[in-house]
C-alpha atoms as a PDB file:
ATOM      1  CA  MET A   1     -12.951   5.364  13.171  1.00  0.00           C
ATOM      2  CA  ILE A   2     -14.601   2.501  11.350  1.00  0.00           C
ATOM      3  CA  ARG A   3     -17.815   4.477  10.862  1.00  0.00           C
ATOM      4  CA  LYS A   4     -15.964   7.235   9.016  1.00  0.00           C
ATOM      5  CA  LEU A   5     -14.662   4.926   6.289  1.00  0.00           C
ATOM      6  CA  LYS A   6     -16.393   5.078   2.945  1.00  0.00           C
ATOM      7  CA  LEU A   7     -17.194   1.574   1.791  1.00  0.00           C
ATOM      8  CA  SER A   8     -17.734   2.266  -1.902  1.00  0.00           C
ATOM      9  CA  ALA A   9     -14.197   1.561  -3.145  1.00  0.00           C
ATOM     10  CA  GLY A  10     -12.451  -1.818  -2.874  1.00  0.00           C
ATOM     11  CA  ILE A  11      -9.438  -0.428  -1.023  1.00  0.00           C
ATOM     12  CA  GLU A  12     -11.678   1.201   1.572  1.00  0.00           C
ATOM     13  CA  ARG A  13     -13.604  -2.069   2.059  1.00  0.00           C
ATOM     14  CA  ALA A  14     -10.294  -3.866   2.615  1.00  0.00           C
ATOM     15  CA  LYS A  15      -9.280  -1.253   5.193  1.00  0.00           C
ATOM     16  CA  PHE A  16     -12.647  -1.591   6.942  1.00  0.00           C
ATOM     17  CA  ASN A  17     -12.296  -5.391   7.025  1.00  0.00           C
ATOM     18  CA  MET A  18      -8.829  -5.153   8.553  1.00  0.00           C
ATOM     19  CA  LEU A  19      -9.861  -2.590  11.190  1.00  0.00           C
ATOM     20  CA  ALA A  20     -12.996  -4.525  12.087  1.00  0.00           C
ATOM     21  CA  SER A  21     -11.081  -7.803  12.383  1.00  0.00           C
ATOM     22  CA  ARG A  22      -8.476  -6.169  14.643  1.00  0.00           C
ATOM     23  CA  GLN A  23     -11.226  -4.814  16.906  1.00  0.00           C
ATOM     24  CA  TYR A  24     -12.877  -8.230  17.005  1.00  0.00           C
ATOM     25  CA  GLU A  25      -9.537  -9.846  17.830  1.00  0.00           C
ATOM     26  CA  ALA A  26      -8.963  -7.304  20.611  1.00  0.00           C
ATOM     27  CA  ASN A  27     -12.393  -8.033  22.097  1.00  0.00           C
ATOM     28  CA  LEU A  28     -11.758 -11.785  22.106  1.00  0.00           C
ATOM     29  CA  SER A  29      -8.356 -11.221  23.703  1.00  0.00           C
ATOM     30  CA  ARG A  30     -10.003  -9.175  26.455  1.00  0.00           C
ATOM     31  CA  MET A  31     -12.499 -11.970  27.086  1.00  0.00           C
ATOM     32  CA  ALA A  32      -9.636 -14.468  27.295  1.00  0.00           C
ATOM     33  CA  ASP A  33      -7.795 -12.212  29.754  1.00  0.00           C
ATOM     34  CA  ILE A  34     -10.873 -11.948  31.967  1.00  0.00           C
ATOM     35  CA  THR A  35     -11.684 -15.664  31.964  1.00  0.00           C
ATOM     36  CA  ARG A  36      -8.129 -17.017  32.181  1.00  0.00           C
ATOM     37  CA  GLY A  37      -7.922 -16.400  35.916  1.00  0.00           C
ATOM     38  CA  MET A  38     -11.209 -18.229  36.416  1.00  0.00           C
ATOM     39  CA  SER A  39     -10.098 -21.268  34.421  1.00  0.00           C
ATOM     40  CA  ILE A  40     -12.906 -20.727  31.916  1.00  0.00           C
ATOM     41  CA  PRO A  41     -11.843 -21.472  28.342  1.00  0.00           C
ATOM     42  CA  ILE A  42     -12.959 -19.255  25.467  1.00  0.00           C
ATOM     43  CA  ILE A  43     -14.180 -21.478  22.643  1.00  0.00           C
ATOM     44  CA  PHE A  44     -15.060 -19.757  19.395  1.00  0.00           C
ATOM     45  CA  PHE A  45     -16.577 -21.307  16.280  1.00  0.00           C
ATOM     46  CA  PHE A  46     -16.622 -19.812  12.804  1.00  0.00           C
ATOM     47  CA  GLN A  47     -19.910 -20.727  11.237  1.00  0.00           C
ATOM     48  CA  PRO A  48     -20.221 -22.113   7.739  1.00  0.00           C
ATOM     49  CA  ILE A  49     -21.424 -19.581   5.184  1.00  0.00           C
ATOM     50  CA  MET A  50     -23.046 -20.575   1.936  1.00  0.00           C
ATOM     51  CA  TYR A  51     -21.166 -19.578  -1.209  1.00  0.00           C
ATOM     52  CA  LEU A  52     -17.826 -19.691   0.579  1.00  0.00           C
ATOM     53  CA  GLU A  53     -17.125 -23.399   0.919  1.00  0.00           C
ATOM     54  CA  LYS A  54     -20.211 -25.343  -0.196  1.00  0.00           C
ATOM     55  CA  ASN A  55     -19.455 -27.060  -3.509  1.00  0.00           C
ATOM     56  CA  PHE A  56     -23.052 -28.096  -4.183  1.00  0.00           C
ATOM     57  CA  ILE A  57     -25.623 -25.312  -3.902  1.00  0.00           C
ATOM     58  CA  THR A  58     -29.030 -26.957  -4.225  1.00  0.00           C
ATOM     59  CA  LYS A  59     -31.841 -25.482  -6.305  1.00  0.00           C
ATOM     60  CA  HIS A  60     -33.803 -24.802  -3.111  1.00  0.00           C
ATOM     61  CA  GLU A  61     -30.859 -22.948  -1.542  1.00  0.00           C
ATOM     62  CA  LYS A  62     -30.231 -20.915  -4.669  1.00  0.00           C
ATOM     63  CA  ASN A  63     -33.929 -19.949  -4.961  1.00  0.00           C
ATOM     64  CA  ASN A  64     -34.212 -19.046  -1.273  1.00  0.00           C
ATOM     65  CA  TRP A  65     -31.015 -17.057  -1.375  1.00  0.00           C
ATOM     66  CA  GLY A  66     -32.277 -14.849  -4.183  1.00  0.00           C
ATOM     67  CA  MET A  67     -28.959 -14.239  -5.895  1.00  0.00           C
ATOM     68  CA  ALA A  68     -30.856 -12.386  -8.614  1.00  0.00           C
ATOM     69  CA  ASP A  69     -32.394 -10.081  -6.018  1.00  0.00           C
ATOM     70  CA  GLY A  70     -29.274  -8.179  -5.033  1.00  0.00           C
ATOM     71  CA  HIS A  71     -27.541 -10.558  -2.637  1.00  0.00           C
ATOM     72  CA  LYS A  72     -24.458 -10.755  -4.851  1.00  0.00           C
ATOM     73  CA  SER A  73     -22.893  -7.743  -3.094  1.00  0.00           C
ATOM     74  CA  TYR A  74     -23.319  -9.539   0.252  1.00  0.00           C
ATOM     75  CA  VAL A  75     -21.641 -12.656  -1.140  1.00  0.00           C
ATOM     76  CA  ASP A  76     -18.776 -10.589  -2.533  1.00  0.00           C
ATOM     77  CA  ALA A  77     -18.323  -8.789   0.795  1.00  0.00           C
ATOM     78  CA  MET A  78     -18.349 -12.069   2.751  1.00  0.00           C
ATOM     79  CA  GLN A  79     -15.817 -13.648   0.394  1.00  0.00           C
ATOM     80  CA  LYS A  80     -13.453 -10.775   1.155  1.00  0.00           C
ATOM     81  CA  MET A  81     -14.219 -10.225   4.841  1.00  0.00           C
ATOM     82  CA  TYR A  82     -14.594 -13.764   6.209  1.00  0.00           C
ATOM     83  CA  PRO A  83     -10.998 -14.887   5.513  1.00  0.00           C
ATOM     84  CA  VAL A  84      -9.634 -11.740   7.179  1.00  0.00           C
ATOM     85  CA  PHE A  85     -11.699 -12.349  10.336  1.00  0.00           C
ATOM     86  CA  GLU A  86     -10.945 -16.056  10.321  1.00  0.00           C
ATOM     87  CA  GLU A  87      -7.183 -15.572  10.039  1.00  0.00           C
ATOM     88  CA  SER A  88      -7.246 -12.919  12.748  1.00  0.00           C
ATOM     89  CA  VAL A  89      -9.225 -15.002  15.249  1.00  0.00           C
ATOM     90  CA  LEU A  90      -7.485 -18.303  14.500  1.00  0.00           C
ATOM     91  CA  SER A  91      -4.171 -16.563  15.239  1.00  0.00           C
ATOM     92  CA  LEU A  92      -5.438 -16.018  18.791  1.00  0.00           C
ATOM     93  CA  ASN A  93      -5.170 -19.765  19.433  1.00  0.00           C
ATOM     94  CA  LYS A  94      -1.459 -19.289  19.960  1.00  0.00           C
ATOM     95  CA  LEU A  95      -1.369 -15.744  21.249  1.00  0.00           C
ATOM     96  CA  SER A  96      -3.965 -15.470  23.980  1.00  0.00           C
ATOM     97  CA  GLY A  97      -5.624 -18.778  24.667  1.00  0.00           C
ATOM     98  CA  VAL A  98      -8.761 -18.286  22.597  1.00  0.00           C
ATOM     99  CA  ASN A  99      -9.705 -21.708  21.298  1.00  0.00           C
ATOM    100  CA  ALA A 100     -11.006 -20.978  17.807  1.00  0.00           C
ATOM    101  CA  TYR A 101     -12.336 -23.509  15.340  1.00  0.00           C
ATOM    102  CA  SER A 102     -13.543 -23.047  11.800  1.00  0.00           C
ATOM    103  CA  LEU A 103     -16.632 -24.916  10.684  1.00  0.00           C
ATOM    104  CA  LYS A 104     -16.665 -23.284   7.271  1.00  0.00           C
ATOM    105  CA  THR A 105     -15.947 -26.508   5.387  1.00  0.00           C
ATOM    106  CA  ILE A 106     -18.514 -28.680   7.173  1.00  0.00           C
ATOM    107  CA  PHE A 107     -20.878 -28.533   4.161  1.00  0.00           C
ATOM    108  CA  LYS A 108     -18.164 -28.590   1.509  1.00  0.00           C
ATOM    109  CA  ASP A 109     -19.339 -31.829  -0.139  1.00  0.00           C
ATOM    110  CA  PHE A 110     -22.841 -31.898   1.372  1.00  0.00           C
ATOM    111  CA  LYS A 111     -25.336 -32.389  -1.471  1.00  0.00           C
ATOM    112  CA  GLU A 112     -28.537 -31.797   0.514  1.00  0.00           C
ATOM    113  CA  ASP A 113     -30.095 -28.515   1.579  1.00  0.00           C
ATOM    114  CA  ALA A 114     -28.021 -27.111   4.433  1.00  0.00           C
ATOM    115  CA  TYR A 115     -29.479 -23.588   4.380  1.00  0.00           C
ATOM    116  CA  ILE A 116     -33.030 -22.279   4.485  1.00  0.00           C
ATOM    117  CA  ASP A 117     -31.814 -18.746   3.682  1.00  0.00           C
ATOM    118  CA  GLU A 118     -28.499 -16.868   3.621  1.00  0.00           C
ATOM    119  CA  ALA A 119     -27.795 -17.333   7.324  1.00  0.00           C
ATOM    120  CA  HIS A 120     -29.992 -20.064   8.789  1.00  0.00           C
ATOM    121  CA  TYR A 121     -29.601 -23.804   8.563  1.00  0.00           C
ATOM    122  CA  THR A 122     -31.958 -26.678   7.911  1.00  0.00           C
ATOM    123  CA  ALA A 123     -32.532 -29.232  10.668  1.00  0.00           C
ATOM    124  CA  ARG A 124     -29.970 -31.521   8.984  1.00  0.00           C
ATOM    125  CA  GLY A 125     -27.491 -28.640   8.688  1.00  0.00           C
ATOM    126  CA  ASN A 126     -27.906 -27.750  12.355  1.00  0.00           C
ATOM    127  CA  ARG A 127     -27.405 -31.391  13.327  1.00  0.00           C
ATOM    128  CA  LEU A 128     -24.092 -31.589  11.431  1.00  0.00           C
ATOM    129  CA  ILE A 129     -22.867 -28.385  13.057  1.00  0.00           C
ATOM    130  CA  ALA A 130     -23.980 -29.543  16.533  1.00  0.00           C
ATOM    131  CA  GLU A 131     -22.267 -32.915  16.114  1.00  0.00           C
ATOM    132  CA  LYS A 132     -18.984 -31.263  15.113  1.00  0.00           C
ATOM    133  CA  MET A 133     -19.192 -28.734  17.943  1.00  0.00           C
ATOM    134  CA  SER A 134     -19.967 -31.521  20.412  1.00  0.00           C
ATOM    135  CA  GLU A 135     -16.945 -33.468  19.225  1.00  0.00           C
ATOM    136  CA  ILE A 136     -14.745 -30.430  19.832  1.00  0.00           C
ATOM    137  CA  LEU A 137     -16.354 -29.457  23.149  1.00  0.00           C
ATOM    138  CA  ASP A 138     -15.895 -33.000  24.511  1.00  0.00           C
ATOM    139  CA  LYS A 139     -12.150 -32.271  24.648  1.00  0.00           C
ATOM    140  CA  TYR A 140     -12.803 -29.526  27.209  1.00  0.00           C
ATOM    141  CA  CYS A 141     -15.012 -31.673  29.447  1.00  0.00           C
ATOM    142  CA  LYS A 142     -12.422 -34.278  30.384  1.00  0.00           C
END
């Protein structure tokens, strides 16, 4: 059904985002159902995405991202899609035992390079993410 949607109009993009997030939510719920009986927790992290929550985009990040080279449509799509997915998955915390955490604000006030391109992090960016994930995961190891 998702493949049949035309993605050229805003309303159709919104419908696609909603359908895709519901499918994603259903898949996570299935994983939680399977692992619940084995006492294995599902722990899900939303990654930070540049241009969503980073207040200080460095010159290096902006140049490597190539906003002038057509990436603006990707940014626009992520700004619309990410909150839909995030809300959907975070709601699973209460409904099915999926332990979901958002890391989207981890670079909010970070003034150094956190990204080497639109999806990959610098060594410093990876370290910040790993430290936060470790802090959260420690709760499940006790």
